[in-house]
Amino acid sequence: MAVTVLIVEDEEKIGRFLELELLHEGYEVMKAADGREGLEKAQSGKADLVVLDVMLPELNGFEVLRRLRKNSDIPVIMLTARDEVMDKVAGLDGGADDYMTKPFAIEELLARIRLVLKKRGGGASVTGQDKNQLKVGKLCMDVQRYEVSYDGKQVELTHREFELLKVLLENKNIVISRDTLLEKVCGYDYMGETNIIDVYVRYLRSKLDDVFQVKIIQTVRGVGYCIKDEN
C-alpha cells in the first residue's frame, strides 16, 4: 500500500504543484486548504505524513500542530514563507519532524519526506517503480544518464526540453495542460513568458518529428499536449 501524504496549503498553485510531484513519486495524496480542514483530515487516520503550511486561514499551522499532537504522532513537515529562527524553533519544539522555508527545491522536500518516513519506519510502503527507462515506440529516454535516442540515434536536448519530454513520457496517453506542464518544467514560482511551453514543444518537434519524420507530441486543441503509445 502506498504512503498517503496530506498537503495542508491554502495557495492553490503550490498545493497543486506538490500534489503532482508526490503522485509522480508514487504517493497517494490528500489536500486541505485551511487549518481546520487540515486538522480534521490529519486526525482521521487516513494520512501517513502531513506537509503543513504555517500561514493558513481558520487555524495557523502552529495551532494545527499543537492540537494534532494532543492525540497523534503522525509525522509533520512544516512549510513557511518566513525564514525566522523562532518560527523554526516553535515548529520543532511543538512536535514537527522537519521544517522548510519557501521557496524550496522539490527534490529537497521529497528527500526530507523519505528521511522522515524512514525514521518512522514507513518508507518501505511507497510504491516502487523503475523510472530510469521511458519508452514510446522507437523513442527512448534514460533518466539516470540524461540521454534521449530515437531508433538508436542520440538526440541532443537542453535541460528544459528534456524535462518537458520526460513529463510527457511519464504521463503517456494522458493529455497534460499547458499550466501543469509549466509548473512541472519551470516550477510553480515561474514568472516568465506564459507561452514558453509552446516554444519548447516546437523545439522538441524540430529535433524529433522533423528529423525522423514522425509525429510524437500531439496537440489537443484548447487543452494541452500528449504522447500516445504507438499502435
Protein backbone atom coordinates (compact mmCIF):
# COMPACT_ATOMS: atom_id res chain seq x y z
CA MET A 1 0.00 0.00 0.00
CA ALA A 2 1.29 3.44 -0.92
CA VAL A 3 2.07 6.09 1.67
CA THR A 4 -0.57 8.83 1.86
CA VAL A 5 0.63 12.42 2.27
CA LEU A 6 -1.73 15.16 3.44
CA ILE A 7 -0.92 18.60 1.98
CA VAL A 8 -2.31 21.47 4.06
CA GLU A 9 -1.70 24.53 1.89
CA ASP A 10 -4.01 27.48 1.09
CA GLU A 11 -2.10 28.62 -2.01
CA GLU A 12 -3.78 26.57 -4.72
CA LYS A 13 -0.90 26.74 -7.19
CA ILE A 14 1.65 25.47 -4.67
CA GLY A 15 -0.73 22.80 -3.43
CA ARG A 16 -1.31 21.52 -6.97
CA PHE A 17 2.41 21.55 -7.73
CA LEU A 18 3.16 19.49 -4.61
CA GLU A 19 0.31 17.11 -5.40
CA LEU A 20 1.62 16.39 -8.90
CA GLU A 21 5.16 15.78 -7.67
CA LEU A 22 4.04 13.45 -4.89
CA LEU A 23 1.72 11.50 -7.18
CA HIS A 24 4.59 11.10 -9.62
CA GLU A 25 6.78 9.69 -6.85
CA GLY A 26 4.19 7.01 -6.05
CA TYR A 27 2.50 8.60 -3.03
CA GLU A 28 -1.23 8.95 -2.54
CA VAL A 29 -2.34 12.50 -1.75
CA MET A 30 -4.96 14.22 0.38
CA LYS A 31 -5.36 18.00 0.39
CA ALA A 32 -6.77 20.67 2.67
CA ALA A 33 -6.94 24.43 2.03
CA ASP A 34 -7.27 25.71 5.61
CA GLY A 35 -6.08 24.78 9.08
CA ARG A 36 -9.39 23.48 10.41
CA GLU A 37 -9.94 21.14 7.48
CA GLY A 38 -6.29 20.08 7.67
CA LEU A 39 -6.59 19.20 11.35
CA GLU A 40 -9.69 17.11 10.72
CA LYS A 41 -8.05 15.18 7.89
CA ALA A 42 -4.82 14.70 9.84
CA GLN A 43 -6.82 13.28 12.77
CA SER A 44 -8.83 10.97 10.51
CA GLY A 45 -6.07 8.36 10.48
CA LYS A 46 -6.08 8.18 6.67
CA ALA A 47 -2.78 10.03 6.16
CA ASP A 48 0.74 8.78 6.95
CA LEU A 49 2.51 12.17 6.84
CA VAL A 50 1.46 15.83 6.81
CA VAL A 51 3.08 18.66 4.83
CA LEU A 52 1.77 21.64 6.82
CA ASP A 53 1.97 25.31 5.83
CA VAL A 54 2.32 27.79 8.71
CA MET A 55 0.28 30.70 7.30
CA LEU A 56 -3.23 29.23 6.95
CA PRO A 57 -6.79 30.57 7.30
CA GLU A 58 -9.04 29.33 10.14
CA LEU A 59 -6.16 27.86 12.18
CA ASN A 60 -2.47 28.59 11.56
CA GLY A 61 -0.01 25.76 11.19
CA PHE A 62 1.36 26.09 14.74
CA GLU A 63 -2.13 25.75 16.19
CA VAL A 64 -2.91 22.79 13.94
CA LEU A 65 0.30 21.12 15.11
CA ARG A 66 -0.43 21.86 18.79
CA ARG A 67 -3.91 20.33 18.61
CA LEU A 68 -2.72 17.41 16.49
CA ARG A 69 0.00 16.48 18.97
CA LYS A 70 -2.55 16.04 21.77
CA ASN A 71 -3.60 12.70 20.32
CA SER A 72 -1.43 11.92 17.26
CA ASP A 73 2.25 11.36 16.49
CA ILE A 74 1.79 11.46 12.69
CA PRO A 75 4.97 12.82 11.01
CA VAL A 76 4.71 16.54 10.16
CA ILE A 77 6.92 18.66 7.89
CA MET A 78 6.17 22.36 8.21
CA LEU A 79 6.44 24.95 5.43
CA THR A 80 6.74 28.71 5.83
CA ALA A 81 7.50 31.75 3.71
CA ARG A 82 9.41 33.31 6.60
CA ASP A 83 12.99 32.33 7.37
CA GLU A 84 12.72 33.14 11.07
CA VAL A 85 14.72 31.14 13.58
CA MET A 86 11.99 31.46 16.23
CA ASP A 87 9.41 30.06 13.80
CA LYS A 88 11.61 27.02 13.24
CA VAL A 89 12.18 26.62 16.97
CA ALA A 90 8.45 26.92 17.66
CA GLY A 91 7.62 24.35 15.00
CA LEU A 92 10.24 21.83 16.11
CA ASP A 93 9.50 22.35 19.79
CA GLY A 94 5.82 21.90 19.00
CA GLY A 95 6.48 18.44 17.62
CA ALA A 96 7.23 18.96 13.93
CA ASP A 97 9.59 16.39 12.42
CA ASP A 98 11.15 18.88 9.99
CA TYR A 99 10.84 22.44 8.75
CA MET A 100 11.35 24.04 5.30
CA THR A 101 11.35 27.64 4.12
CA LYS A 102 9.71 28.71 0.85
CA PRO A 103 10.80 28.79 -1.89
CA PHE A 104 12.37 25.34 -1.77
CA ALA A 105 13.57 22.77 -4.27
CA ILE A 106 11.00 20.00 -4.63
CA GLU A 107 13.83 17.42 -4.64
CA GLU A 108 14.81 18.54 -1.14
CA LEU A 109 11.25 18.25 0.17
CA LEU A 110 10.93 14.75 -1.34
CA ALA A 111 14.24 13.76 0.26
CA ARG A 112 13.08 15.04 3.65
CA ILE A 113 9.79 13.16 3.32
CA ARG A 114 11.71 9.95 2.61
CA LEU A 115 14.01 10.60 5.57
CA VAL A 116 11.14 11.28 7.98
CA LEU A 117 9.29 8.17 6.82
CA LYS A 118 12.45 6.09 7.15
CA LYS A 119 12.96 7.32 10.72
CA ARG A 120 9.34 6.47 11.49
CA GLY A 121 9.60 3.11 9.75
CA GLY A 122 7.20 3.96 6.92
CA GLY A 123 9.47 4.31 3.95
CA ALA A 124 9.03 0.78 2.61
CA SER A 125 5.35 1.29 1.74
CA VAL A 126 5.94 3.83 -1.03
CA THR A 127 5.05 2.30 -4.36
CA GLY A 128 8.25 1.33 -6.13
CA GLN A 129 8.74 1.62 -9.87
CA ASP A 130 11.63 1.74 -12.33
CA LYS A 131 11.64 5.27 -13.71
CA ASN A 132 15.07 5.19 -15.34
CA GLN A 133 13.86 3.94 -18.73
CA LEU A 134 10.95 5.65 -20.51
CA LYS A 135 9.93 4.40 -23.95
CA VAL A 136 7.32 5.02 -26.61
CA GLY A 137 7.87 3.18 -29.89
CA LYS A 138 11.45 3.87 -31.02
CA LEU A 139 11.82 6.84 -28.66
CA CYS A 140 13.87 6.02 -25.55
CA MET A 141 14.81 8.15 -22.55
CA ASP A 142 17.36 7.13 -19.94
CA VAL A 143 16.53 9.38 -17.00
CA GLN A 144 19.56 8.42 -14.96
CA ARG A 145 22.04 9.04 -17.78
CA TYR A 146 20.10 12.06 -19.06
CA GLU A 147 20.05 10.64 -22.59
CA VAL A 148 17.41 10.51 -25.33
CA SER A 149 17.54 8.45 -28.50
CA TYR A 150 15.26 7.60 -31.42
CA ASP A 151 15.81 4.30 -33.21
CA GLY A 152 19.24 4.12 -31.59
CA LYS A 153 20.29 7.63 -32.69
CA GLN A 154 21.18 10.14 -29.98
CA VAL A 155 19.04 13.28 -29.67
CA GLU A 156 20.66 16.31 -28.01
CA LEU A 157 18.23 18.21 -25.79
CA THR A 158 18.52 21.19 -23.46
CA HIS A 159 17.60 20.78 -19.79
CA ARG A 160 14.05 22.13 -20.20
CA GLU A 161 13.44 20.21 -23.42
CA PHE A 162 14.49 17.05 -21.60
CA GLU A 163 12.25 17.81 -18.59
CA LEU A 164 9.24 18.56 -20.81
CA LEU A 165 9.70 15.35 -22.78
CA LYS A 166 10.14 13.43 -19.52
CA VAL A 167 6.81 14.69 -18.13
CA LEU A 168 5.01 13.75 -21.34
CA LEU A 169 6.58 10.27 -21.43
CA GLU A 170 5.82 9.64 -17.77
CA ASN A 171 2.18 10.50 -18.46
CA LYS A 172 1.82 8.91 -21.89
CA ASN A 173 -1.73 8.63 -23.23
CA ILE A 174 -2.78 11.45 -20.86
CA VAL A 175 -3.38 14.99 -22.08
CA ILE A 176 -1.36 17.40 -19.91
CA SER A 177 -2.47 21.03 -19.78
CA ARG A 178 -0.06 23.87 -20.52
CA ASP A 179 -0.41 25.16 -16.94
CA THR A 180 0.50 21.77 -15.50
CA LEU A 181 3.47 21.42 -17.84
CA LEU A 182 4.60 24.93 -16.90
CA GLU A 183 4.55 24.03 -13.19
CA LYS A 184 6.33 20.72 -13.73
CA VAL A 185 9.01 22.05 -16.08
CA CYS A 186 9.58 25.59 -14.82
CA GLY A 187 8.33 25.44 -11.21
CA TYR A 188 5.29 26.92 -9.51
CA ASP A 189 7.00 30.29 -9.00
CA TYR A 190 7.93 30.78 -12.69
CA MET A 191 7.27 34.40 -13.72
CA GLY A 192 8.41 34.39 -17.37
CA GLU A 193 6.56 34.14 -20.68
CA THR A 194 3.29 32.17 -20.44
CA ASN A 195 3.76 30.60 -23.90
CA ILE A 196 7.13 29.06 -23.01
CA ILE A 197 5.71 25.51 -23.16
CA ASP A 198 4.54 26.03 -26.75
CA VAL A 199 8.03 27.26 -27.59
CA TYR A 200 9.72 24.18 -26.11
CA VAL A 201 7.25 21.87 -27.83
CA ARG A 202 8.29 23.46 -31.14
CA TYR A 203 11.93 22.90 -30.25
CA LEU A 204 11.27 19.23 -29.45
CA ARG A 205 9.34 18.73 -32.67
CA SER A 206 12.22 20.24 -34.66
CA LYS A 207 14.60 17.70 -33.10
CA LEU A 208 12.30 14.66 -33.21
CA ASP A 209 9.35 14.95 -35.59
CA ASP A 210 11.16 16.91 -38.31
CA VAL A 211 14.35 14.85 -38.18
CA PHE A 212 12.79 11.38 -38.01
CA GLN A 213 9.61 12.13 -40.00
CA VAL A 214 7.30 11.11 -37.16
CA LYS A 215 4.58 12.75 -35.06
CA ILE A 216 5.45 12.09 -31.42
CA ILE A 217 3.96 15.03 -29.49
CA GLN A 218 0.29 15.56 -30.22
CA THR A 219 -1.61 18.80 -29.65
CA VAL A 220 -5.09 18.63 -28.14
CA ARG A 221 -6.50 21.98 -29.13
CA GLY A 222 -7.55 24.15 -26.19
CA VAL A 223 -6.23 21.64 -23.65
CA GLY A 224 -2.55 20.80 -23.97
CA TYR A 225 -0.20 18.09 -25.22
CA CYS A 226 0.27 14.33 -25.00
CA ILE A 227 2.38 11.45 -26.25
CA LYS A 228 0.46 8.30 -27.16
CA ASP A 229 1.61 4.72 -27.38
CA GLU A 230 2.17 3.55 -30.93
CA ASN A 231 -0.40 1.04 -32.12
